[in-house]
């Protein structure tokens, strides 16, 4: 049995610019690995920092690593609705860097909404990329155009998703207790939807259970608070700043949430990026194909360290 949620680090509290408390955890590097870039992991929508379980286990001790729960997610405090925006998440990430990474080099790694968070930071602080931020990992994410996503549904049902979803989510948010009760009663339906939307191939049941637990632990009104931000997300200019740093873009060919076309578009706009396509993988690619994702991150780290060694030579 995979011990999801069992890896813990040094707990830290980060105070965002509006006073909100963000839960963070720091895994220190082993003595022989000090001086290497700090890895900062940014999770996605309705998940929490534990979603990085496999990458955290594989890279532990080799780097100083920072994990945190986005506002209203996981162990972080609940945010006001008007602060539940991608732009605010970008500002939060900036405070996390200022609080927990000092002035040393940083590699940012984000999944889905976490990648969008990094793009917001790149718009707010383009000068950080290529200097303070020495590399970027973008996993199953998008720089915009999410209105075109159909959640994997064919034809007219797919096109209706973005007409129905905002109204449906808003309605559910007005009766959260009723909806939360229904979520618990309807767990079998939720399990099937998690398997269809999160994974592109057959995975161990515990992967589905773990993902379902993260989703179910996110209150429905939090889901509703952040939902409108995805339609408005449009950050192509952020990619110009991010392209100053080596980048890996990792995506699954069966991703029904952020289709692989979004990652291809990102890679086209970032000439320095390595694009890793895993044809049979879905949205939760860091679980489903964790070895390949970790290998992609290791290659990114090697690119950075080889460049630093080259610059250090007389």
C-alpha atoms as a PDB file:
ATOM      1  CA  UNK A   1       0.000   0.000   0.000  1.00  0.00           C
ATOM      2  CA  UNK A   2       1.381   3.401  -1.015  1.00  0.00           C
ATOM      3  CA  UNK A   3       1.560   5.679   2.085  1.00  0.00           C
ATOM      4  CA  UNK A   4       0.053   8.789   0.477  1.00  0.00           C
ATOM      5  CA  UNK A   5       0.032  11.811   2.783  1.00  0.00           C
ATOM      6  CA  UNK A   6       2.664  10.382   5.113  1.00  0.00           C
ATOM      7  CA  UNK A   7       5.671  12.458   4.038  1.00  0.00           C
ATOM      8  CA  UNK A   8       5.964  15.517   6.228  1.00  0.00           C
ATOM      9  CA  UNK A   9       8.534  18.292   6.429  1.00  0.00           C
ATOM     10  CA  UNK A  10       9.322  21.212   8.682  1.00  0.00           C
ATOM     11  CA  UNK A  11       6.041  23.120   9.001  1.00  0.00           C
ATOM     12  CA  UNK A  12       6.202  26.832   8.232  1.00  0.00           C
ATOM     13  CA  UNK A  13       3.547  29.528   8.062  1.00  0.00           C
ATOM     14  CA  UNK A  14       3.714  32.108   5.279  1.00  0.00           C
ATOM     15  CA  UNK A  15       1.665  35.300   5.658  1.00  0.00           C
ATOM     16  CA  UNK A  16       0.266  36.479   2.319  1.00  0.00           C
ATOM     17  CA  UNK A  17      -0.047  40.154   1.406  1.00  0.00           C
ATOM     18  CA  UNK A  18      -3.650  40.236   2.652  1.00  0.00           C
ATOM     19  CA  UNK A  19      -2.742  38.638   5.984  1.00  0.00           C
ATOM     20  CA  UNK A  20      -3.939  35.145   5.072  1.00  0.00           C
ATOM     21  CA  UNK A  21      -1.942  32.254   6.522  1.00  0.00           C
ATOM     22  CA  UNK A  22      -0.535  29.705   4.086  1.00  0.00           C
ATOM     23  CA  UNK A  23       0.668  26.313   5.277  1.00  0.00           C
ATOM     24  CA  UNK A  24       4.082  25.319   3.941  1.00  0.00           C
ATOM     25  CA  UNK A  25       6.529  22.500   4.530  1.00  0.00           C
ATOM     26  CA  UNK A  26      10.288  22.542   3.977  1.00  0.00           C
ATOM     27  CA  UNK A  27      12.417  19.470   3.305  1.00  0.00           C
ATOM     28  CA  UNK A  28      16.068  20.333   3.889  1.00  0.00           C
ATOM     29  CA  UNK A  29      18.855  19.058   1.674  1.00  0.00           C
ATOM     30  CA  UNK A  30      21.346  16.543   2.985  1.00  0.00           C
ATOM     31  CA  UNK A  31      24.715  17.965   4.026  1.00  0.00           C
ATOM     32  CA  UNK A  32      26.383  17.059   0.753  1.00  0.00           C
ATOM     33  CA  UNK A  33      23.634  18.665  -1.358  1.00  0.00           C
ATOM     34  CA  UNK A  34      23.632  22.196   0.051  1.00  0.00           C
ATOM     35  CA  UNK A  35      24.110  25.015  -2.441  1.00  0.00           C
ATOM     36  CA  UNK A  36      21.926  23.401  -5.099  1.00  0.00           C
ATOM     37  CA  UNK A  37      18.771  25.212  -6.294  1.00  0.00           C
ATOM     38  CA  UNK A  38      15.707  25.097  -4.055  1.00  0.00           C
ATOM     39  CA  UNK A  39      12.754  23.296  -5.637  1.00  0.00           C
ATOM     40  CA  UNK A  40       9.364  24.955  -5.039  1.00  0.00           C
ATOM     41  CA  UNK A  41       6.293  22.856  -5.874  1.00  0.00           C
ATOM     42  CA  UNK A  42       2.921  24.498  -6.622  1.00  0.00           C
ATOM     43  CA  UNK A  43      -0.159  22.250  -6.638  1.00  0.00           C
ATOM     44  CA  UNK A  44      -3.324  22.530  -8.685  1.00  0.00           C
ATOM     45  CA  UNK A  45      -7.041  23.179  -8.273  1.00  0.00           C
ATOM     46  CA  UNK A  46      -8.831  21.316  -5.465  1.00  0.00           C
ATOM     47  CA  UNK A  47      -5.656  19.410  -4.542  1.00  0.00           C
ATOM     48  CA  UNK A  48      -3.026  19.983  -1.848  1.00  0.00           C
ATOM     49  CA  UNK A  49       0.719  19.707  -1.371  1.00  0.00           C
ATOM     50  CA  UNK A  50       0.534  15.936  -0.871  1.00  0.00           C
ATOM     51  CA  UNK A  51      -0.165  15.484  -4.601  1.00  0.00           C
ATOM     52  CA  UNK A  52       3.624  15.667  -5.107  1.00  0.00           C
ATOM     53  CA  UNK A  53       4.085  12.452  -3.091  1.00  0.00           C
ATOM     54  CA  UNK A  54       6.192  10.538  -5.602  1.00  0.00           C
ATOM     55  CA  UNK A  55       8.393  13.460  -6.670  1.00  0.00           C
ATOM     56  CA  UNK A  56       8.940  14.440  -3.034  1.00  0.00           C
ATOM     57  CA  UNK A  57      10.011  10.934  -2.110  1.00  0.00           C
ATOM     58  CA  UNK A  58      12.315  10.555  -5.115  1.00  0.00           C
ATOM     59  CA  UNK A  59      14.094  13.915  -4.720  1.00  0.00           C
ATOM     60  CA  UNK A  60      14.165  14.154  -0.924  1.00  0.00           C
ATOM     61  CA  UNK A  61      17.569  15.020   0.505  1.00  0.00           C
ATOM     62  CA  UNK A  62      19.015  15.882  -2.907  1.00  0.00           C
ATOM     63  CA  UNK A  63      17.680  19.448  -2.797  1.00  0.00           C
ATOM     64  CA  UNK A  64      16.058  21.824  -0.386  1.00  0.00           C
ATOM     65  CA  UNK A  65      12.374  21.589  -1.294  1.00  0.00           C
ATOM     66  CA  UNK A  66       9.397  23.793  -0.473  1.00  0.00           C
ATOM     67  CA  UNK A  67       5.783  22.634  -0.672  1.00  0.00           C
ATOM     68  CA  UNK A  68       2.759  24.733   0.255  1.00  0.00           C
ATOM     69  CA  UNK A  69      -1.019  24.627   0.167  1.00  0.00           C
ATOM     70  CA  UNK A  70      -2.611  27.307  -2.003  1.00  0.00           C
ATOM     71  CA  UNK A  71      -5.096  29.604  -0.251  1.00  0.00           C
ATOM     72  CA  UNK A  72      -8.352  27.853   0.739  1.00  0.00           C
ATOM     73  CA  UNK A  73      -6.723  24.485  -0.002  1.00  0.00           C
ATOM     74  CA  UNK A  74      -5.283  21.839   2.286  1.00  0.00           C
ATOM     75  CA  UNK A  75      -4.095  23.231   5.615  1.00  0.00           C
ATOM     76  CA  UNK A  76      -4.015  26.870   4.490  1.00  0.00           C
ATOM     77  CA  UNK A  77      -6.565  29.379   5.759  1.00  0.00           C
ATOM     78  CA  UNK A  78      -9.792  30.120   3.940  1.00  0.00           C
ATOM     79  CA  UNK A  79      -9.648  33.111   1.628  1.00  0.00           C
ATOM     80  CA  UNK A  80     -12.205  35.777   0.874  1.00  0.00           C
ATOM     81  CA  UNK A  81     -13.954  35.054  -2.408  1.00  0.00           C
ATOM     82  CA  UNK A  82     -12.689  38.216  -4.094  1.00  0.00           C
ATOM     83  CA  UNK A  83      -9.108  37.079  -3.448  1.00  0.00           C
ATOM     84  CA  UNK A  84      -9.600  33.697  -5.118  1.00  0.00           C
ATOM     85  CA  UNK A  85      -7.936  34.675  -8.383  1.00  0.00           C
ATOM     86  CA  UNK A  86      -4.963  33.420 -10.374  1.00  0.00           C
ATOM     87  CA  UNK A  87      -3.335  36.825  -9.920  1.00  0.00           C
ATOM     88  CA  UNK A  88      -3.607  36.563  -6.131  1.00  0.00           C
ATOM     89  CA  UNK A  89      -2.141  33.061  -6.259  1.00  0.00           C
ATOM     90  CA  UNK A  90       0.813  34.507  -8.164  1.00  0.00           C
ATOM     91  CA  UNK A  91       1.303  37.130  -5.458  1.00  0.00           C
ATOM     92  CA  UNK A  92       1.093  34.375  -2.828  1.00  0.00           C
ATOM     93  CA  UNK A  93       3.844  32.449  -4.599  1.00  0.00           C
ATOM     94  CA  UNK A  94       6.003  35.570  -4.564  1.00  0.00           C
ATOM     95  CA  UNK A  95       5.600  35.815  -0.789  1.00  0.00           C
ATOM     96  CA  UNK A  96       6.434  32.107  -0.427  1.00  0.00           C
ATOM     97  CA  UNK A  97       9.678  32.700  -2.330  1.00  0.00           C
ATOM     98  CA  UNK A  98      10.545  35.779  -0.270  1.00  0.00           C
ATOM     99  CA  UNK A  99       9.803  33.978   2.993  1.00  0.00           C
ATOM    100  CA  UNK A 100      11.265  30.530   2.400  1.00  0.00           C
ATOM    101  CA  UNK A 101      13.948  30.696  -0.304  1.00  0.00           C
ATOM    102  CA  UNK A 102      16.181  33.634   0.673  1.00  0.00           C
ATOM    103  CA  UNK A 103      18.102  34.924  -2.351  1.00  0.00           C
ATOM    104  CA  UNK A 104      19.337  31.585  -3.667  1.00  0.00           C
ATOM    105  CA  UNK A 105      18.420  30.047  -7.019  1.00  0.00           C
ATOM    106  CA  UNK A 106      14.948  28.533  -7.329  1.00  0.00           C
ATOM    107  CA  UNK A 107      13.361  25.997  -9.663  1.00  0.00           C
ATOM    108  CA  UNK A 108       9.568  26.405  -9.864  1.00  0.00           C
ATOM    109  CA  UNK A 109       7.437  23.338 -10.583  1.00  0.00           C
ATOM    110  CA  UNK A 110       3.673  23.681 -11.035  1.00  0.00           C
ATOM    111  CA  UNK A 111       0.798  21.387 -11.952  1.00  0.00           C
ATOM    112  CA  UNK A 112      -2.372  22.695 -13.631  1.00  0.00           C
ATOM    113  CA  UNK A 113      -3.509  25.743 -11.606  1.00  0.00           C
ATOM    114  CA  UNK A 114      -0.039  25.688 -10.065  1.00  0.00           C
ATOM    115  CA  UNK A 115       1.475  26.338 -13.479  1.00  0.00           C
ATOM    116  CA  UNK A 116      -1.010  29.175 -13.999  1.00  0.00           C
ATOM    117  CA  UNK A 117       0.078  30.553 -10.620  1.00  0.00           C
ATOM    118  CA  UNK A 118       3.669  30.609 -11.868  1.00  0.00           C
ATOM    119  CA  UNK A 119       2.564  32.450 -15.017  1.00  0.00           C
ATOM    120  CA  UNK A 120       0.867  35.085 -12.875  1.00  0.00           C
ATOM    121  CA  UNK A 121       4.115  35.496 -10.933  1.00  0.00           C
ATOM    122  CA  UNK A 122       6.001  35.860 -14.221  1.00  0.00           C
ATOM    123  CA  UNK A 123       3.701  38.729 -15.208  1.00  0.00           C
ATOM    124  CA  UNK A 124       4.181  40.381 -11.814  1.00  0.00           C
ATOM    125  CA  UNK A 125       7.960  39.827 -11.594  1.00  0.00           C
ATOM    126  CA  UNK A 126       9.357  39.094 -15.071  1.00  0.00           C
ATOM    127  CA  UNK A 127      12.810  40.143 -13.878  1.00  0.00           C
ATOM    128  CA  UNK A 128      12.987  37.128 -11.560  1.00  0.00           C
ATOM    129  CA  UNK A 129      13.015  34.622 -14.426  1.00  0.00           C
ATOM    130  CA  UNK A 130      16.477  33.790 -15.663  1.00  0.00           C
ATOM    131  CA  UNK A 131      17.995  35.256 -12.506  1.00  0.00           C
ATOM    132  CA  UNK A 132      16.333  34.263  -9.252  1.00  0.00           C
ATOM    133  CA  UNK A 133      14.165  31.606 -10.929  1.00  0.00           C
ATOM    134  CA  UNK A 134      16.702  29.484 -12.776  1.00  0.00           C
ATOM    135  CA  UNK A 135      14.315  26.891 -14.241  1.00  0.00           C
ATOM    136  CA  UNK A 136      10.629  26.117 -14.689  1.00  0.00           C
ATOM    137  CA  UNK A 137       8.597  22.909 -14.784  1.00  0.00           C
ATOM    138  CA  UNK A 138       5.094  23.214 -16.263  1.00  0.00           C
ATOM    139  CA  UNK A 139       2.978  20.088 -15.829  1.00  0.00           C
ATOM    140  CA  UNK A 140      -0.482  19.605 -17.378  1.00  0.00           C
ATOM    141  CA  UNK A 141      -1.219  23.316 -17.475  1.00  0.00           C
ATOM    142  CA  UNK A 142      -2.417  26.087 -19.792  1.00  0.00           C
ATOM    143  CA  UNK A 143      -1.573  29.671 -20.679  1.00  0.00           C
ATOM    144  CA  UNK A 144      -5.179  30.405 -21.704  1.00  0.00           C
ATOM    145  CA  UNK A 145      -8.078  29.353 -23.873  1.00  0.00           C
ATOM    146  CA  UNK A 146      -9.588  26.953 -21.361  1.00  0.00           C
ATOM    147  CA  UNK A 147     -13.104  27.825 -22.566  1.00  0.00           C
ATOM    148  CA  UNK A 148     -12.409  25.516 -25.483  1.00  0.00           C
ATOM    149  CA  UNK A 149     -11.857  22.522 -23.197  1.00  0.00           C
ATOM    150  CA  UNK A 150     -14.713  20.004 -23.233  1.00  0.00           C
ATOM    151  CA  UNK A 151     -13.622  17.818 -20.267  1.00  0.00           C
ATOM    152  CA  UNK A 152     -13.275  14.940 -22.690  1.00  0.00           C
ATOM    153  CA  UNK A 153     -16.950  14.946 -23.681  1.00  0.00           C
ATOM    154  CA  UNK A 154     -17.713  14.598 -27.403  1.00  0.00           C
ATOM    155  CA  UNK A 155     -19.838  16.829 -29.583  1.00  0.00           C
ATOM    156  CA  UNK A 156     -22.578  19.026 -28.157  1.00  0.00           C
ATOM    157  CA  UNK A 157     -22.229  17.825 -24.513  1.00  0.00           C
ATOM    158  CA  UNK A 158     -18.630  18.939 -24.557  1.00  0.00           C
ATOM    159  CA  UNK A 159     -19.494  22.357 -25.946  1.00  0.00           C
ATOM    160  CA  UNK A 160     -22.158  22.765 -23.277  1.00  0.00           C
ATOM    161  CA  UNK A 161     -19.683  22.258 -20.416  1.00  0.00           C
ATOM    162  CA  UNK A 162     -18.655  25.899 -20.221  1.00  0.00           C
ATOM    163  CA  UNK A 163     -22.213  27.167 -20.563  1.00  0.00           C
ATOM    164  CA  UNK A 164     -23.571  24.943 -17.812  1.00  0.00           C
ATOM    165  CA  UNK A 165     -20.639  24.677 -15.402  1.00  0.00           C
ATOM    166  CA  UNK A 166     -20.444  28.279 -14.094  1.00  0.00           C
ATOM    167  CA  UNK A 167     -24.171  28.370 -13.338  1.00  0.00           C
ATOM    168  CA  UNK A 168     -24.102  24.880 -11.841  1.00  0.00           C
ATOM    169  CA  UNK A 169     -21.125  25.624  -9.602  1.00  0.00           C
ATOM    170  CA  UNK A 170     -22.684  28.910  -8.453  1.00  0.00           C
ATOM    171  CA  UNK A 171     -25.932  27.109  -7.614  1.00  0.00           C
ATOM    172  CA  UNK A 172     -24.090  24.424  -5.648  1.00  0.00           C
ATOM    173  CA  UNK A 173     -22.134  27.060  -3.746  1.00  0.00           C
ATOM    174  CA  UNK A 174     -25.382  28.594  -2.471  1.00  0.00           C
ATOM    175  CA  UNK A 175     -26.269  25.318  -0.724  1.00  0.00           C
ATOM    176  CA  UNK A 176     -22.887  23.898   0.319  1.00  0.00           C
ATOM    177  CA  UNK A 177     -24.175  21.656   3.131  1.00  0.00           C
ATOM    178  CA  UNK A 178     -26.644  19.947   0.814  1.00  0.00           C
ATOM    179  CA  UNK A 179     -23.990  19.465  -1.825  1.00  0.00           C
ATOM    180  CA  UNK A 180     -21.370  18.176   0.639  1.00  0.00           C
ATOM    181  CA  UNK A 181     -23.861  15.597   1.882  1.00  0.00           C
ATOM    182  CA  UNK A 182     -24.589  14.582  -1.664  1.00  0.00           C
ATOM    183  CA  UNK A 183     -20.889  14.240  -2.402  1.00  0.00           C
ATOM    184  CA  UNK A 184     -20.508  11.762   0.441  1.00  0.00           C
ATOM    185  CA  UNK A 185     -23.617   9.796  -0.563  1.00  0.00           C
ATOM    186  CA  UNK A 186     -22.597   9.835  -4.202  1.00  0.00           C
ATOM    187  CA  UNK A 187     -19.037   8.686  -3.634  1.00  0.00           C
ATOM    188  CA  UNK A 188     -19.339   5.866  -6.199  1.00  0.00           C
ATOM    189  CA  UNK A 189     -20.230   8.396  -8.901  1.00  0.00           C
ATOM    190  CA  UNK A 190     -17.377  10.602  -7.756  1.00  0.00           C
ATOM    191  CA  UNK A 191     -14.998   7.648  -7.960  1.00  0.00           C
ATOM    192  CA  UNK A 192     -15.993   6.938 -11.563  1.00  0.00           C
ATOM    193  CA  UNK A 193     -15.637  10.614 -12.541  1.00  0.00           C
ATOM    194  CA  UNK A 194     -12.257  10.847 -10.830  1.00  0.00           C
ATOM    195  CA  UNK A 195     -11.022   7.809 -12.727  1.00  0.00           C
ATOM    196  CA  UNK A 196     -12.306   9.177 -16.064  1.00  0.00           C
ATOM    197  CA  UNK A 197     -11.197  12.792 -15.705  1.00  0.00           C
ATOM    198  CA  UNK A 198      -7.978  12.415 -13.703  1.00  0.00           C
ATOM    199  CA  UNK A 199      -6.320   9.400 -15.323  1.00  0.00           C
ATOM    200  CA  UNK A 200      -5.806   8.328 -18.908  1.00  0.00           C
ATOM    201  CA  UNK A 201      -4.964   4.690 -18.279  1.00  0.00           C
ATOM    202  CA  UNK A 202      -5.621   2.001 -15.705  1.00  0.00           C
ATOM    203  CA  UNK A 203      -3.962   2.908 -12.401  1.00  0.00           C
ATOM    204  CA  UNK A 204      -3.961   1.277  -8.963  1.00  0.00           C
ATOM    205  CA  UNK A 205      -7.201   1.923  -7.108  1.00  0.00           C
ATOM    206  CA  UNK A 206      -5.288   3.663  -4.317  1.00  0.00           C
ATOM    207  CA  UNK A 207      -4.232   6.385  -6.797  1.00  0.00           C
ATOM    208  CA  UNK A 208      -7.885   7.056  -7.570  1.00  0.00           C
ATOM    209  CA  UNK A 209      -8.831   6.921  -3.880  1.00  0.00           C
ATOM    210  CA  UNK A 210      -6.077   9.385  -2.972  1.00  0.00           C
ATOM    211  CA  UNK A 211      -7.095  11.827  -5.710  1.00  0.00           C
ATOM    212  CA  UNK A 212     -10.751  11.485  -4.754  1.00  0.00           C
ATOM    213  CA  UNK A 213      -9.883  12.229  -1.110  1.00  0.00           C
ATOM    214  CA  UNK A 214      -8.067  15.434  -2.068  1.00  0.00           C
ATOM    215  CA  UNK A 215     -10.957  16.561  -4.261  1.00  0.00           C
ATOM    216  CA  UNK A 216     -13.573  15.661  -1.646  1.00  0.00           C
ATOM    217  CA  UNK A 217     -11.700  17.544   1.078  1.00  0.00           C
ATOM    218  CA  UNK A 218     -12.031  20.788  -0.908  1.00  0.00           C
ATOM    219  CA  UNK A 219     -15.341  22.467   0.062  1.00  0.00           C
ATOM    220  CA  UNK A 220     -17.686  23.020  -2.874  1.00  0.00           C
ATOM    221  CA  UNK A 221     -17.822  26.761  -2.244  1.00  0.00           C
ATOM    222  CA  UNK A 222     -14.015  26.896  -2.544  1.00  0.00           C
ATOM    223  CA  UNK A 223     -14.368  25.092  -5.879  1.00  0.00           C
ATOM    224  CA  UNK A 224     -16.915  27.750  -6.877  1.00  0.00           C
ATOM    225  CA  UNK A 225     -14.741  30.651  -5.692  1.00  0.00           C
ATOM    226  CA  UNK A 226     -11.861  29.760  -8.020  1.00  0.00           C
ATOM    227  CA  UNK A 227     -13.843  28.447 -10.994  1.00  0.00           C
ATOM    228  CA  UNK A 228     -14.418  31.778 -12.833  1.00  0.00           C
ATOM    229  CA  UNK A 229     -10.689  32.477 -12.897  1.00  0.00           C
ATOM    230  CA  UNK A 230     -10.007  29.726 -15.397  1.00  0.00           C
ATOM    231  CA  UNK A 231     -12.174  31.246 -18.128  1.00  0.00           C
ATOM    232  CA  UNK A 232     -10.346  34.547 -17.640  1.00  0.00           C
ATOM    233  CA  UNK A 233      -6.865  33.017 -17.531  1.00  0.00           C
ATOM    234  CA  UNK A 234      -4.810  34.372 -20.439  1.00  0.00           C
ATOM    235  CA  UNK A 235      -1.061  34.624 -19.869  1.00  0.00           C
ATOM    236  CA  UNK A 236       0.809  34.350 -23.193  1.00  0.00           C
ATOM    237  CA  UNK A 237       3.083  37.281 -22.270  1.00  0.00           C
ATOM    238  CA  UNK A 238       4.149  35.482 -19.111  1.00  0.00           C
ATOM    239  CA  UNK A 239       5.744  32.814 -21.286  1.00  0.00           C
ATOM    240  CA  UNK A 240       8.159  35.393 -22.714  1.00  0.00           C
ATOM    241  CA  UNK A 241       9.536  36.033 -19.237  1.00  0.00           C
ATOM    242  CA  UNK A 242       9.566  32.353 -18.310  1.00  0.00           C
ATOM    243  CA  UNK A 243      11.486  31.480 -21.475  1.00  0.00           C
ATOM    244  CA  UNK A 244      14.534  33.208 -19.997  1.00  0.00           C
ATOM    245  CA  UNK A 245      14.930  30.096 -17.838  1.00  0.00           C
ATOM    246  CA  UNK A 246      15.310  26.463 -18.955  1.00  0.00           C
ATOM    247  CA  UNK A 247      11.876  24.846 -18.996  1.00  0.00           C
ATOM    248  CA  UNK A 248      10.322  21.416 -19.211  1.00  0.00           C
ATOM    249  CA  UNK A 249       6.673  21.090 -20.275  1.00  0.00           C
ATOM    250  CA  UNK A 250       5.088  17.737 -19.392  1.00  0.00           C
ATOM    251  CA  UNK A 251       1.638  16.676 -20.577  1.00  0.00           C
ATOM    252  CA  UNK A 252      -0.587  13.654 -21.068  1.00  0.00           C
ATOM    253  CA  UNK A 253      -2.221  12.789 -24.366  1.00  0.00           C
ATOM    254  CA  UNK A 254      -5.465  11.832 -22.604  1.00  0.00           C
ATOM    255  CA  UNK A 255      -5.708  14.881 -20.346  1.00  0.00           C
ATOM    256  CA  UNK A 256      -9.403  15.839 -20.316  1.00  0.00           C
ATOM    257  CA  UNK A 257      -8.917  18.915 -18.097  1.00  0.00           C
ATOM    258  CA  UNK A 258      -6.045  20.745 -19.812  1.00  0.00           C
ATOM    259  CA  UNK A 259      -5.732  18.994 -23.191  1.00  0.00           C
ATOM    260  CA  UNK A 260      -2.258  18.347 -24.535  1.00  0.00           C
ATOM    261  CA  UNK A 261      -2.789  21.036 -27.185  1.00  0.00           C
ATOM    262  CA  UNK A 262      -2.356  23.614 -24.412  1.00  0.00           C
ATOM    263  CA  UNK A 263       1.081  22.259 -23.503  1.00  0.00           C
ATOM    264  CA  UNK A 264       2.089  22.117 -27.159  1.00  0.00           C
ATOM    265  CA  UNK A 265       1.093  25.763 -27.522  1.00  0.00           C
ATOM    266  CA  UNK A 266       3.188  26.668 -24.473  1.00  0.00           C
ATOM    267  CA  UNK A 267       6.208  24.819 -25.881  1.00  0.00           C
ATOM    268  CA  UNK A 268       5.831  26.557 -29.248  1.00  0.00           C
ATOM    269  CA  UNK A 269       6.063  29.924 -27.509  1.00  0.00           C
ATOM    270  CA  UNK A 270       9.068  28.875 -25.392  1.00  0.00           C
ATOM    271  CA  UNK A 271      11.958  27.883 -27.681  1.00  0.00           C
ATOM    272  CA  UNK A 272      14.098  26.781 -24.729  1.00  0.00           C
ATOM    273  CA  UNK A 273      11.488  24.325 -23.472  1.00  0.00           C
ATOM    274  CA  UNK A 274      11.695  20.550 -23.599  1.00  0.00           C
ATOM    275  CA  UNK A 275       8.250  19.095 -24.353  1.00  0.00           C
ATOM    276  CA  UNK A 276       7.546  15.688 -22.828  1.00  0.00           C
ATOM    277  CA  UNK A 277       4.393  14.017 -24.159  1.00  0.00           C
ATOM    278  CA  UNK A 278       3.086  10.884 -22.447  1.00  0.00           C
ATOM    279  CA  UNK A 279       0.367   9.646 -24.836  1.00  0.00           C
ATOM    280  CA  UNK A 280      -1.666   7.472 -22.460  1.00  0.00           C
ATOM    281  CA  UNK A 281      -1.553   9.756 -19.405  1.00  0.00           C
ATOM    282  CA  UNK A 282      -4.320  11.944 -18.015  1.00  0.00           C
ATOM    283  CA  UNK A 283      -4.387  15.085 -15.896  1.00  0.00           C
ATOM    284  CA  UNK A 284      -2.944  13.615 -12.681  1.00  0.00           C
ATOM    285  CA  UNK A 285       0.209  12.750 -14.543  1.00  0.00           C
ATOM    286  CA  UNK A 286       2.550  13.206 -11.559  1.00  0.00           C
ATOM    287  CA  UNK A 287       0.779  10.221  -9.959  1.00  0.00           C
ATOM    288  CA  UNK A 288      -0.119   8.167 -13.021  1.00  0.00           C
ATOM    289  CA  UNK A 289       3.328   8.407 -14.667  1.00  0.00           C
ATOM    290  CA  UNK A 290       5.357   9.537 -11.695  1.00  0.00           C
ATOM    291  CA  UNK A 291       8.656   7.997 -12.826  1.00  0.00           C
ATOM    292  CA  UNK A 292       8.604   9.804 -16.181  1.00  0.00           C
ATOM    293  CA  UNK A 293       7.614  13.103 -14.549  1.00  0.00           C
ATOM    294  CA  UNK A 294      10.430  12.812 -12.019  1.00  0.00           C
ATOM    295  CA  UNK A 295      12.888  11.923 -14.794  1.00  0.00           C
ATOM    296  CA  UNK A 296      11.817  15.039 -16.696  1.00  0.00           C
ATOM    297  CA  UNK A 297      12.449  17.155 -13.614  1.00  0.00           C
ATOM    298  CA  UNK A 298      15.861  15.539 -13.099  1.00  0.00           C
ATOM    299  CA  UNK A 299      16.839  16.410 -16.681  1.00  0.00           C
ATOM    300  CA  UNK A 300      15.753  20.002 -16.049  1.00  0.00           C
ATOM    301  CA  UNK A 301      17.862  20.162 -12.892  1.00  0.00           C
ATOM    302  CA  UNK A 302      20.850  18.735 -14.777  1.00  0.00           C
ATOM    303  CA  UNK A 303      20.510  21.418 -17.474  1.00  0.00           C
ATOM    304  CA  UNK A 304      20.624  24.120 -14.816  1.00  0.00           C
ATOM    305  CA  UNK A 305      23.572  22.643 -12.947  1.00  0.00           C
ATOM    306  CA  UNK A 306      25.582  21.986 -16.104  1.00  0.00           C
ATOM    307  CA  UNK A 307      25.044  25.604 -17.184  1.00  0.00           C
ATOM    308  CA  UNK A 308      26.118  26.831 -13.738  1.00  0.00           C
ATOM    309  CA  UNK A 309      29.260  24.665 -13.858  1.00  0.00           C
ATOM    310  CA  UNK A 310      30.104  26.010 -17.315  1.00  0.00           C
ATOM    311  CA  UNK A 311      29.724  29.617 -16.131  1.00  0.00           C
ATOM    312  CA  UNK A 312      31.872  28.930 -13.060  1.00  0.00           C
ATOM    313  CA  UNK A 313      34.831  27.739 -15.133  1.00  0.00           C
ATOM    314  CA  UNK A 314      37.606  30.323 -15.651  1.00  0.00           C
END
